């Protein structure tokens, strides 16, 4: 079944979903590093708990932000496919 034979779906392709998942994981990892480093630069002495909390909060905030971006990108891709399919149907 080719793309032209398949009915239009709002569900993104598996590759797009995998890319969104990987981007959320990488964003969370980067946020965790930023949170850990931010606390490490400001804290002196025994700061293990504070560094852990900073890493956790940074990772969660960054992953949530990246998930919003990923959802918006996936929706835009779906709308783009819908517009292209409508133009192909109207142009032929």
PDB file of N, CA and C in Angstrom:
ATOM      1  N   UNK A   1       0.851  -1.172   0.000  1.00  0.00           N
ATOM      2  CA  UNK A   1       0.000   0.000   0.000  1.00  0.00           C
ATOM      3  C   UNK A   1       0.898   1.237   0.000  1.00  0.00           C
ATOM      4  N   UNK A   2       0.725   2.110  -0.944  1.00  0.00           N
ATOM      5  CA  UNK A   2       1.528   3.322  -1.029  1.00  0.00           C
ATOM      6  C   UNK A   2       0.885   4.427  -0.214  1.00  0.00           C
ATOM      7  N   UNK A   3       1.573   5.549  -0.112  1.00  0.00           N
ATOM      8  CA  UNK A   3       1.041   6.686   0.635  1.00  0.00           C
ATOM      9  C   UNK A   3      -0.225   7.238   0.000  1.00  0.00           C
ATOM     10  N   UNK A   4      -0.337   7.141  -1.330  1.00  0.00           N
ATOM     11  CA  UNK A   4      -1.516   7.659  -2.006  1.00  0.00           C
ATOM     12  C   UNK A   4      -2.743   6.781  -1.767  1.00  0.00           C
ATOM     13  N   UNK A   5      -2.550   5.464  -1.572  1.00  0.00           N
ATOM     14  CA  UNK A   5      -3.658   4.544  -1.359  1.00  0.00           C
ATOM     15  C   UNK A   5      -4.152   4.549   0.080  1.00  0.00           C
ATOM     16  N   UNK A   6      -3.304   4.935   0.993  1.00  0.00           N
ATOM     17  CA  UNK A   6      -3.622   4.891   2.414  1.00  0.00           C
ATOM     18  C   UNK A   6      -4.522   6.066   2.793  1.00  0.00           C
ATOM     19  N   UNK A   7      -5.545   5.839   3.643  1.00  0.00           N
ATOM     20  CA  UNK A   7      -6.386   6.957   4.081  1.00  0.00           C
ATOM     21  C   UNK A   7      -5.592   7.922   4.959  1.00  0.00           C
ATOM     22  N   UNK A   8      -5.954   9.191   4.907  1.00  0.00           N
ATOM     23  CA  UNK A   8      -5.276  10.217   5.685  1.00  0.00           C
ATOM     24  C   UNK A   8      -5.539   9.993   7.170  1.00  0.00           C
ATOM     25  N   UNK A   9      -4.498  10.050   7.968  1.00  0.00           N
ATOM     26  CA  UNK A   9      -4.611   9.798   9.400  1.00  0.00           C
ATOM     27  C   UNK A   9      -3.912  10.911  10.165  1.00  0.00           C
ATOM     28  N   UNK A  10      -4.435  11.205  11.344  1.00  0.00           N
ATOM     29  CA  UNK A  10      -3.796  12.201  12.203  1.00  0.00           C
ATOM     30  C   UNK A  10      -2.613  11.611  12.949  1.00  0.00           C
ATOM     31  N   UNK A  11      -2.470  10.283  12.913  1.00  0.00           N
ATOM     32  CA  UNK A  11      -1.376   9.617  13.605  1.00  0.00           C
ATOM     33  C   UNK A  11      -0.072   9.820  12.836  1.00  0.00           C
ATOM     34  N   UNK A  12       0.951  10.370  13.485  1.00  0.00           N
ATOM     35  CA  UNK A  12       2.231  10.575  12.797  1.00  0.00           C
ATOM     36  C   UNK A  12       2.895   9.244  12.458  1.00  0.00           C
ATOM     37  N   UNK A  13       3.824   9.294  11.532  1.00  0.00           N
ATOM     38  CA  UNK A  13       4.540   8.086  11.148  1.00  0.00           C
ATOM     39  C   UNK A  13       5.383   7.579  12.323  1.00  0.00           C
ATOM     40  N   UNK A  14       5.705   6.296  12.317  1.00  0.00           N
ATOM     41  CA  UNK A  14       6.544   5.767  13.406  1.00  0.00           C
ATOM     42  C   UNK A  14       7.907   6.462  13.497  1.00  0.00           C
ATOM     43  N   UNK A  15       8.474   6.832  12.354  1.00  0.00           N
ATOM     44  CA  UNK A  15       9.764   7.522  12.387  1.00  0.00           C
ATOM     45  C   UNK A  15       9.639   8.889  13.053  1.00  0.00           C
ATOM     46  N   UNK A  16       8.551   9.603  12.771  1.00  0.00           N
ATOM     47  CA  UNK A  16       8.347  10.917  13.392  1.00  0.00           C
ATOM     48  C   UNK A  16       8.127  10.784  14.892  1.00  0.00           C
ATOM     49  N   UNK A  17       7.392   9.757  15.304  1.00  0.00           N
ATOM     50  CA  UNK A  17       7.180   9.540  16.743  1.00  0.00           C
ATOM     51  C   UNK A  17       8.472   9.153  17.439  1.00  0.00           C
ATOM     52  N   UNK A  18       9.283   8.344  16.779  1.00  0.00           N
ATOM     53  CA  UNK A  18      10.570   7.958  17.366  1.00  0.00           C
ATOM     54  C   UNK A  18      11.495   9.171  17.498  1.00  0.00           C
ATOM     55  N   UNK A  19      11.512  10.019  16.466  1.00  0.00           N
ATOM     56  CA  UNK A  19      12.338  11.232  16.526  1.00  0.00           C
ATOM     57  C   UNK A  19      11.866  12.161  17.642  1.00  0.00           C
ATOM     58  N   UNK A  20      10.550  12.267  17.831  1.00  0.00           N
ATOM     59  CA  UNK A  20      10.012  13.099  18.912  1.00  0.00           C
ATOM     60  C   UNK A  20      10.409  12.531  20.274  1.00  0.00           C
ATOM     61  N   UNK A  21      10.344  11.211  20.418  1.00  0.00           N
ATOM     62  CA  UNK A  21      10.719  10.571  21.679  1.00  0.00           C
ATOM     63  C   UNK A  21      12.195  10.811  21.997  1.00  0.00           C
ATOM     64  N   UNK A  22      13.043  10.627  20.997  1.00  0.00           N
ATOM     65  CA  UNK A  22      14.483  10.834  21.194  1.00  0.00           C
ATOM     66  C   UNK A  22      14.770  12.290  21.546  1.00  0.00           C
ATOM     67  N   UNK A  23      14.070  13.225  20.894  1.00  0.00           N
ATOM     68  CA  UNK A  23      14.305  14.638  21.196  1.00  0.00           C
ATOM     69  C   UNK A  23      13.876  14.983  22.619  1.00  0.00           C
ATOM     70  N   UNK A  24      12.803  14.376  23.102  1.00  0.00           N
ATOM     71  CA  UNK A  24      12.365  14.618  24.484  1.00  0.00           C
ATOM     72  C   UNK A  24      13.391  14.062  25.470  1.00  0.00           C
ATOM     73  N   UNK A  25      13.916  12.879  25.192  1.00  0.00           N
ATOM     74  CA  UNK A  25      14.933  12.278  26.064  1.00  0.00           C
ATOM     75  C   UNK A  25      16.195  13.141  26.083  1.00  0.00           C
ATOM     76  N   UNK A  26      16.649  13.574  24.898  1.00  0.00           N
ATOM     77  CA  UNK A  26      17.849  14.419  24.835  1.00  0.00           C
ATOM     78  C   UNK A  26      17.623  15.768  25.516  1.00  0.00           C
ATOM     79  N   UNK A  27      16.440  16.337  25.346  1.00  0.00           N
ATOM     80  CA  UNK A  27      16.129  17.596  26.027  1.00  0.00           C
ATOM     81  C   UNK A  27      16.138  17.435  27.535  1.00  0.00           C
ATOM     82  N   UNK A  28      15.577  16.340  28.027  1.00  0.00           N
ATOM     83  CA  UNK A  28      15.591  16.075  29.465  1.00  0.00           C
ATOM     84  C   UNK A  28      16.997  15.870  29.997  1.00  0.00           C
ATOM     85  N   UNK A  29      17.814  15.161  29.226  1.00  0.00           N
ATOM     86  CA  UNK A  29      19.209  14.950  29.633  1.00  0.00           C
ATOM     87  C   UNK A  29      19.955  16.281  29.709  1.00  0.00           C
ATOM     88  N   UNK A  30      19.774  17.120  28.686  1.00  0.00           N
ATOM     89  CA  UNK A  30      20.437  18.433  28.691  1.00  0.00           C
ATOM     90  C   UNK A  30      19.941  19.295  29.847  1.00  0.00           C
ATOM     91  N   UNK A  31      18.647  19.263  30.118  1.00  0.00           N
ATOM     92  CA  UNK A  31      18.106  20.020  31.248  1.00  0.00           C
ATOM     93  C   UNK A  31      18.645  19.530  32.572  1.00  0.00           C
ATOM     94  N   UNK A  32      18.815  18.220  32.701  1.00  0.00           N
ATOM     95  CA  UNK A  32      19.399  17.668  33.922  1.00  0.00           C
ATOM     96  C   UNK A  32      20.829  18.124  34.124  1.00  0.00           C
ATOM     97  N   UNK A  33      21.602  18.134  33.039  1.00  0.00           N
ATOM     98  CA  UNK A  33      22.976  18.631  33.136  1.00  0.00           C
ATOM     99  C   UNK A  33      23.018  20.102  33.516  1.00  0.00           C
ATOM    100  N   UNK A  34      22.133  20.881  32.931  1.00  0.00           N
ATOM    101  CA  UNK A  34      22.085  22.316  33.246  1.00  0.00           C
ATOM    102  C   UNK A  34      21.696  22.526  34.708  1.00  0.00           C
ATOM    103  N   UNK A  35      20.673  21.804  35.177  1.00  0.00           N
ATOM    104  CA  UNK A  35      20.248  21.945  36.571  1.00  0.00           C
ATOM    105  C   UNK A  35      21.336  21.528  37.541  1.00  0.00           C
ATOM    106  N   UNK A  36      22.005  20.413  37.246  1.00  0.00           N
ATOM    107  CA  UNK A  36      23.098  19.941  38.105  1.00  0.00           C
ATOM    108  C   UNK A  36      24.227  20.966  38.151  1.00  0.00           C
ATOM    109  N   UNK A  37      24.622  21.468  36.983  1.00  0.00           N
ATOM    110  CA  UNK A  37      25.731  22.419  36.911  1.00  0.00           C
ATOM    111  C   UNK A  37      25.384  23.741  37.590  1.00  0.00           C
ATOM    112  N   UNK A  38      24.153  24.175  37.440  1.00  0.00           N
ATOM    113  CA  UNK A  38      23.726  25.428  38.077  1.00  0.00           C
ATOM    114  C   UNK A  38      23.851  25.327  39.593  1.00  0.00           C
ATOM    115  N   UNK A  39      23.425  24.211  40.162  1.00  0.00           N
ATOM    116  CA  UNK A  39      23.538  24.029  41.611  1.00  0.00           C
ATOM    117  C   UNK A  39      24.992  23.851  42.013  1.00  0.00           C
ATOM    118  N   UNK A  40      25.747  23.114  41.212  1.00  0.00           N
ATOM    119  CA  UNK A  40      27.163  22.876  41.533  1.00  0.00           C
ATOM    120  C   UNK A  40      27.952  24.183  41.596  1.00  0.00           C
ATOM    121  N   UNK A  41      27.649  25.115  40.709  1.00  0.00           N
ATOM    122  CA  UNK A  41      28.358  26.396  40.702  1.00  0.00           C
ATOM    123  C   UNK A  41      28.010  27.266  41.902  1.00  0.00           C
ATOM    124  N   UNK A  42      26.828  27.096  42.457  1.00  0.00           N
ATOM    125  CA  UNK A  42      26.381  27.970  43.540  1.00  0.00           C
ATOM    126  C   UNK A  42      26.550  27.374  44.929  1.00  0.00           C
ATOM    127  N   UNK A  43      26.761  26.078  45.016  1.00  0.00           N
ATOM    128  CA  UNK A  43      26.785  25.408  46.314  1.00  0.00           C
ATOM    129  C   UNK A  43      28.220  25.048  46.694  1.00  0.00           C
ATOM    130  N   UNK A  44      28.543  25.182  47.973  1.00  0.00           N
ATOM    131  CA  UNK A  44      29.859  24.817  48.488  1.00  0.00           C
ATOM    132  C   UNK A  44      29.674  23.829  49.636  1.00  0.00           C
ATOM    133  N   UNK A  45      30.557  22.864  49.712  1.00  0.00           N
ATOM    134  CA  UNK A  45      30.468  21.869  50.781  1.00  0.00           C
ATOM    135  C   UNK A  45      29.717  20.631  50.312  1.00  0.00           C
ATOM    136  N   UNK A  46      28.984  20.020  51.239  1.00  0.00           N
ATOM    137  CA  UNK A  46      28.227  18.805  50.934  1.00  0.00           C
ATOM    138  C   UNK A  46      26.915  19.181  50.255  1.00  0.00           C
ATOM    139  N   UNK A  47      26.847  18.997  48.944  1.00  0.00           N
ATOM    140  CA  UNK A  47      25.673  19.444  48.174  1.00  0.00           C
ATOM    141  C   UNK A  47      25.068  18.321  47.347  1.00  0.00           C
ATOM    142  N   UNK A  48      25.236  17.086  47.774  1.00  0.00           N
ATOM    143  CA  UNK A  48      24.744  15.955  46.988  1.00  0.00           C
ATOM    144  C   UNK A  48      23.246  16.002  46.741  1.00  0.00           C
ATOM    145  N   UNK A  49      22.475  16.259  47.788  1.00  0.00           N
ATOM    146  CA  UNK A  49      21.026  16.315  47.658  1.00  0.00           C
ATOM    147  C   UNK A  49      20.611  17.486  46.774  1.00  0.00           C
ATOM    148  N   UNK A  50      21.222  18.636  46.989  1.00  0.00           N
ATOM    149  CA  UNK A  50      20.878  19.816  46.196  1.00  0.00           C
ATOM    150  C   UNK A  50      21.203  19.602  44.718  1.00  0.00           C
ATOM    151  N   UNK A  51      22.333  18.969  44.429  1.00  0.00           N
ATOM    152  CA  UNK A  51      22.692  18.685  43.033  1.00  0.00           C
ATOM    153  C   UNK A  51      21.690  17.722  42.405  1.00  0.00           C
ATOM    154  N   UNK A  52      21.275  16.724  43.164  1.00  0.00           N
ATOM    155  CA  UNK A  52      20.292  15.769  42.662  1.00  0.00           C
ATOM    156  C   UNK A  52      18.951  16.422  42.381  1.00  0.00           C
ATOM    157  N   UNK A  53      18.516  17.283  43.292  1.00  0.00           N
ATOM    158  CA  UNK A  53      17.258  17.992  43.085  1.00  0.00           C
ATOM    159  C   UNK A  53      17.374  18.931  41.881  1.00  0.00           C
ATOM    160  N   UNK A  54      18.499  19.607  41.758  1.00  0.00           N
ATOM    161  CA  UNK A  54      18.703  20.489  40.610  1.00  0.00           C
ATOM    162  C   UNK A  54      18.674  19.727  39.303  1.00  0.00           C
ATOM    163  N   UNK A  55      19.321  18.561  39.282  1.00  0.00           N
ATOM    164  CA  UNK A  55      19.317  17.738  38.074  1.00  0.00           C
ATOM    165  C   UNK A  55      17.910  17.236  37.765  1.00  0.00           C
ATOM    166  N   UNK A  56      17.189  16.792  38.783  1.00  0.00           N
ATOM    167  CA  UNK A  56      15.837  16.281  38.574  1.00  0.00           C
ATOM    168  C   UNK A  56      14.893  17.371  38.074  1.00  0.00           C
ATOM    169  N   UNK A  57      14.912  18.513  38.724  1.00  0.00           N
ATOM    170  CA  UNK A  57      14.032  19.615  38.317  1.00  0.00           C
ATOM    171  C   UNK A  57      14.391  20.093  36.909  1.00  0.00           C
ATOM    172  N   UNK A  58      15.677  20.230  36.635  1.00  0.00           N
ATOM    173  CA  UNK A  58      16.095  20.650  35.301  1.00  0.00           C
ATOM    174  C   UNK A  58      15.669  19.662  34.232  1.00  0.00           C
ATOM    175  N   UNK A  59      15.807  18.370  34.505  1.00  0.00           N
ATOM    176  CA  UNK A  59      15.433  17.338  33.531  1.00  0.00           C
ATOM    177  C   UNK A  59      13.927  17.337  33.283  1.00  0.00           C
ATOM    178  N   UNK A  60      13.146  17.434  34.347  1.00  0.00           N
ATOM    179  CA  UNK A  60      11.687  17.409  34.191  1.00  0.00           C
ATOM    180  C   UNK A  60      11.194  18.642  33.438  1.00  0.00           C
ATOM    181  N   UNK A  61      11.698  19.805  33.802  1.00  0.00           N
ATOM    182  CA  UNK A  61      11.259  21.039  33.136  1.00  0.00           C
ATOM    183  C   UNK A  61      11.649  21.021  31.660  1.00  0.00           C
ATOM    184  N   UNK A  62      12.868  20.620  31.364  1.00  0.00           N
ATOM    185  CA  UNK A  62      13.317  20.589  29.968  1.00  0.00           C
ATOM    186  C   UNK A  62      12.559  19.535  29.165  1.00  0.00           C
ATOM    187  N   UNK A  63      12.300  18.373  29.755  1.00  0.00           N
ATOM    188  CA  UNK A  63      11.561  17.331  29.042  1.00  0.00           C
ATOM    189  C   UNK A  63      10.119  17.760  28.789  1.00  0.00           C
ATOM    190  N   UNK A  64       9.500  18.426  29.752  1.00  0.00           N
ATOM    191  CA  UNK A  64       8.140  18.933  29.536  1.00  0.00           C
ATOM    192  C   UNK A  64       8.110  19.978  28.427  1.00  0.00           C
ATOM    193  N   UNK A  65       9.066  20.879  28.448  1.00  0.00           N
ATOM    194  CA  UNK A  65       9.128  21.887  27.392  1.00  0.00           C
ATOM    195  C   UNK A  65       9.372  21.271  26.028  1.00  0.00           C
ATOM    196  N   UNK A  66      10.253  20.292  25.978  1.00  0.00           N
ATOM    197  CA  UNK A  66      10.536  19.627  24.709  1.00  0.00           C
ATOM    198  C   UNK A  66       9.353  18.812  24.236  1.00  0.00           C
ATOM    199  N   UNK A  67       8.576  18.261  25.155  1.00  0.00           N
ATOM    200  CA  UNK A  67       7.392  17.496  24.743  1.00  0.00           C
ATOM    201  C   UNK A  67       6.343  18.409  24.124  1.00  0.00           C
ATOM    202  N   UNK A  68       6.216  19.620  24.626  1.00  0.00           N
ATOM    203  CA  UNK A  68       5.296  20.590  24.019  1.00  0.00           C
ATOM    204  C   UNK A  68       5.743  20.902  22.595  1.00  0.00           C
ATOM    205  N   UNK A  69       7.028  21.133  22.422  1.00  0.00           N
ATOM    206  CA  UNK A  69       7.563  21.414  21.086  1.00  0.00           C
ATOM    207  C   UNK A  69       7.349  20.219  20.160  1.00  0.00           C
ATOM    208  N   UNK A  70       7.588  19.011  20.655  1.00  0.00           N
ATOM    209  CA  UNK A  70       7.430  17.808  19.829  1.00  0.00           C
ATOM    210  C   UNK A  70       5.982  17.628  19.392  1.00  0.00           C
ATOM    211  N   UNK A  71       5.036  17.849  20.296  1.00  0.00           N
ATOM    212  CA  UNK A  71       3.622  17.721  19.945  1.00  0.00           C
ATOM    213  C   UNK A  71       3.237  18.753  18.889  1.00  0.00           C
ATOM    214  N   UNK A  72       3.711  19.971  19.044  1.00  0.00           N
ATOM    215  CA  UNK A  72       3.393  21.004  18.057  1.00  0.00           C
ATOM    216  C   UNK A  72       3.981  20.672  16.690  1.00  0.00           C
ATOM    217  N   UNK A  73       5.190  20.133  16.663  1.00  0.00           N
ATOM    218  CA  UNK A  73       5.813  19.748  15.393  1.00  0.00           C
ATOM    219  C   UNK A  73       5.043  18.597  14.751  1.00  0.00           C
ATOM    220  N   UNK A  74       4.662  17.598  15.538  1.00  0.00           N
ATOM    221  CA  UNK A  74       3.918  16.471  14.985  1.00  0.00           C
ATOM    222  C   UNK A  74       2.557  16.908  14.449  1.00  0.00           C
ATOM    223  N   UNK A  75       1.901  17.822  15.132  1.00  0.00           N
ATOM    224  CA  UNK A  75       0.619  18.337  14.635  1.00  0.00           C
ATOM    225  C   UNK A  75       0.812  19.130  13.351  1.00  0.00           C
ATOM    226  N   UNK A  76       1.868  19.923  13.298  1.00  0.00           N
ATOM    227  CA  UNK A  76       2.137  20.695  12.080  1.00  0.00           C
ATOM    228  C   UNK A  76       2.425  19.769  10.902  1.00  0.00           C
ATOM    229  N   UNK A  77       3.152  18.687  11.149  1.00  0.00           N
ATOM    230  CA  UNK A  77       3.411  17.717  10.079  1.00  0.00           C
ATOM    231  C   UNK A  77       2.122  17.081   9.587  1.00  0.00           C
ATOM    232  N   UNK A  78       1.220  16.753  10.513  1.00  0.00           N
ATOM    233  CA  UNK A  78      -0.067  16.174  10.133  1.00  0.00           C
ATOM    234  C   UNK A  78      -0.900  17.133   9.305  1.00  0.00           C
ATOM    235  N   UNK A  79      -0.924  18.394   9.709  1.00  0.00           N
ATOM    236  CA  UNK A  79      -1.676  19.390   8.948  1.00  0.00           C
ATOM    237  C   UNK A  79      -1.052  19.606   7.579  1.00  0.00           C
ATOM    238  N   UNK A  80       0.251  19.566   7.516  1.00  0.00           N
ATOM    239  CA  UNK A  80       0.944  19.735   6.238  1.00  0.00           C
ATOM    240  C   UNK A  80       0.578  18.601   5.288  1.00  0.00           C
ATOM    241  N   UNK A  81       0.568  17.376   5.799  1.00  0.00           N
ATOM    242  CA  UNK A  81       0.170  16.233   4.967  1.00  0.00           C
ATOM    243  C   UNK A  81      -1.265  16.373   4.486  1.00  0.00           C
ATOM    244  N   UNK A  82      -2.143  16.862   5.369  1.00  0.00           N
ATOM    245  CA  UNK A  82      -3.546  17.031   5.005  1.00  0.00           C
ATOM    246  C   UNK A  82      -3.698  18.086   3.907  1.00  0.00           C
ATOM    247  N   UNK A  83      -2.976  19.178   4.014  1.00  0.00           N
ATOM    248  CA  UNK A  83      -3.047  20.220   3.002  1.00  0.00           C
ATOM    249  C   UNK A  83      -2.504  19.720   1.672  1.00  0.00           C
ATOM    250  N   UNK A  84      -1.395  18.985   1.710  1.00  0.00           N
ATOM    251  CA  UNK A  84      -0.829  18.425   0.467  1.00  0.00           C
ATOM    252  C   UNK A  84      -1.804  17.437  -0.184  1.00  0.00           C
ATOM    253  N   UNK A  85      -2.458  16.603   0.632  1.00  0.00           N
ATOM    254  CA  UNK A  85      -3.412  15.642   0.073  1.00  0.00           C
ATOM    255  C   UNK A  85      -4.613  16.360  -0.535  1.00  0.00           C
ATOM    256  N   UNK A  86      -5.066  17.419   0.090  1.00  0.00           N
ATOM    257  CA  UNK A  86      -6.187  18.195  -0.448  1.00  0.00           C
ATOM    258  C   UNK A  86      -5.806  18.860  -1.761  1.00  0.00           C
ATOM    259  N   UNK A  87      -4.566  19.396  -1.827  1.00  0.00           N
ATOM    260  CA  UNK A  87      -4.113  20.035  -3.078  1.00  0.00           C
ATOM    261  C   UNK A  87      -3.960  19.013  -4.187  1.00  0.00           C
ATOM    262  N   UNK A  88      -3.457  17.813  -3.867  1.00  0.00           N
ATOM    263  CA  UNK A  88      -3.335  16.757  -4.889  1.00  0.00           C
ATOM    264  C   UNK A  88      -4.704  16.342  -5.390  1.00  0.00           C
ATOM    265  N   UNK A  89      -5.679  16.226  -4.480  1.00  0.00           N
ATOM    266  CA  UNK A  89      -7.014  15.803  -4.881  1.00  0.00           C
ATOM    267  C   UNK A  89      -7.708  16.877  -5.719  1.00  0.00           C
ATOM    268  N   UNK A  90      -7.470  18.126  -5.370  1.00  0.00           N
ATOM    269  CA  UNK A  90      -8.088  19.218  -6.127  1.00  0.00           C
ATOM    270  C   UNK A  90      -7.383  19.505  -7.426  1.00  0.00           C
ATOM    271  N   UNK A  91      -6.092  19.215  -7.495  1.00  0.00           N
ATOM    272  CA  UNK A  91      -5.308  19.513  -8.691  1.00  0.00           C
ATOM    273  C   UNK A  91      -5.414  18.454  -9.761  1.00  0.00           C
ATOM    274  N   UNK A  92      -5.894  17.251  -9.446  1.00  0.00           N
ATOM    275  CA  UNK A  92      -5.943  16.183 -10.447  1.00  0.00           C
ATOM    276  C   UNK A  92      -7.291  16.049 -11.102  1.00  0.00           C
TER     277      UNK A  92
END
